[in-house]
Amino acid sequence: MSLFKKVAEFASSPQGKKVIDQAKKYASDPKNKEKIEQVKNKLLGGKGGKTP
């Protein structure tokens, strides 16, 4: 079974739906949005990141 199929099955299960709902609540909090943005910028090289 492929990883994508496993993830899709989990996401459609009751437990998966609960985890997705918790993630949405976490992501909608303004404090957490800033944390997510900081991590994203760090991973992607920040604003005005490196260009090849």
Protein backbone atom coordinates (compact mmCIF):
# COMPACT_ATOMS: atom_id res chain seq x y z
CA MET A 1 0.00 0.00 0.00
CA SER A 2 1.40 3.39 -0.96
CA LEU A 3 2.12 6.06 1.63
CA PHE A 4 -0.35 8.43 -0.02
CA LYS A 5 -3.12 5.84 0.19
CA LYS A 6 -2.37 5.24 3.88
CA VAL A 7 -2.48 8.98 4.57
CA ALA A 8 -5.76 9.33 2.65
CA GLU A 9 -7.32 6.46 4.59
CA PHE A 10 -6.18 7.95 7.90
CA ALA A 11 -7.53 11.38 6.95
CA SER A 12 -10.96 9.93 6.25
CA SER A 13 -11.07 7.93 9.50
CA PRO A 14 -12.71 9.37 12.65
CA GLN A 15 -9.29 9.68 14.32
CA GLY A 16 -7.86 11.41 11.26
CA LYS A 17 -10.75 13.87 11.12
CA LYS A 18 -10.16 14.69 14.79
CA VAL A 19 -6.45 15.37 14.14
CA ILE A 20 -7.27 17.54 11.11
CA ASP A 21 -9.79 19.54 13.16
CA GLN A 22 -7.19 20.09 15.91
CA ALA A 23 -4.63 21.23 13.34
CA LYS A 24 -7.10 23.72 11.84
CA LYS A 25 -7.86 25.16 15.28
CA TYR A 26 -4.14 25.46 16.04
CA ALA A 27 -3.42 27.12 12.70
CA SER A 28 -6.25 29.65 13.10
CA ASP A 29 -4.77 31.09 16.33
CA PRO A 30 -2.91 34.35 15.51
CA LYS A 31 0.02 33.45 17.80
CA ASN A 32 0.39 30.10 16.10
CA LYS A 33 0.08 31.65 12.64
CA GLU A 34 3.18 33.71 13.41
CA LYS A 35 5.07 30.61 14.60
CA ILE A 36 4.06 28.73 11.45
CA GLU A 37 5.17 31.66 9.29
CA GLN A 38 8.55 31.79 11.06
CA VAL A 39 9.17 28.08 10.52
CA LYS A 40 8.05 28.33 6.89
CA ASN A 41 10.39 31.25 6.26
CA LYS A 42 13.25 29.42 7.95
CA LEU A 43 12.70 26.31 5.84
CA LEU A 44 12.25 28.26 2.61
CA GLY A 45 15.16 30.63 3.23
CA GLY A 46 13.17 33.51 4.67
CA LYS A 47 11.75 36.53 2.92
CA GLY A 48 13.92 37.48 -0.01
CA GLY A 49 15.65 34.13 0.28
CA LYS A 50 18.55 32.86 -1.74
CA THR A 51 18.15 32.75 -5.48
CA PRO A 52 20.21 30.32 -7.53
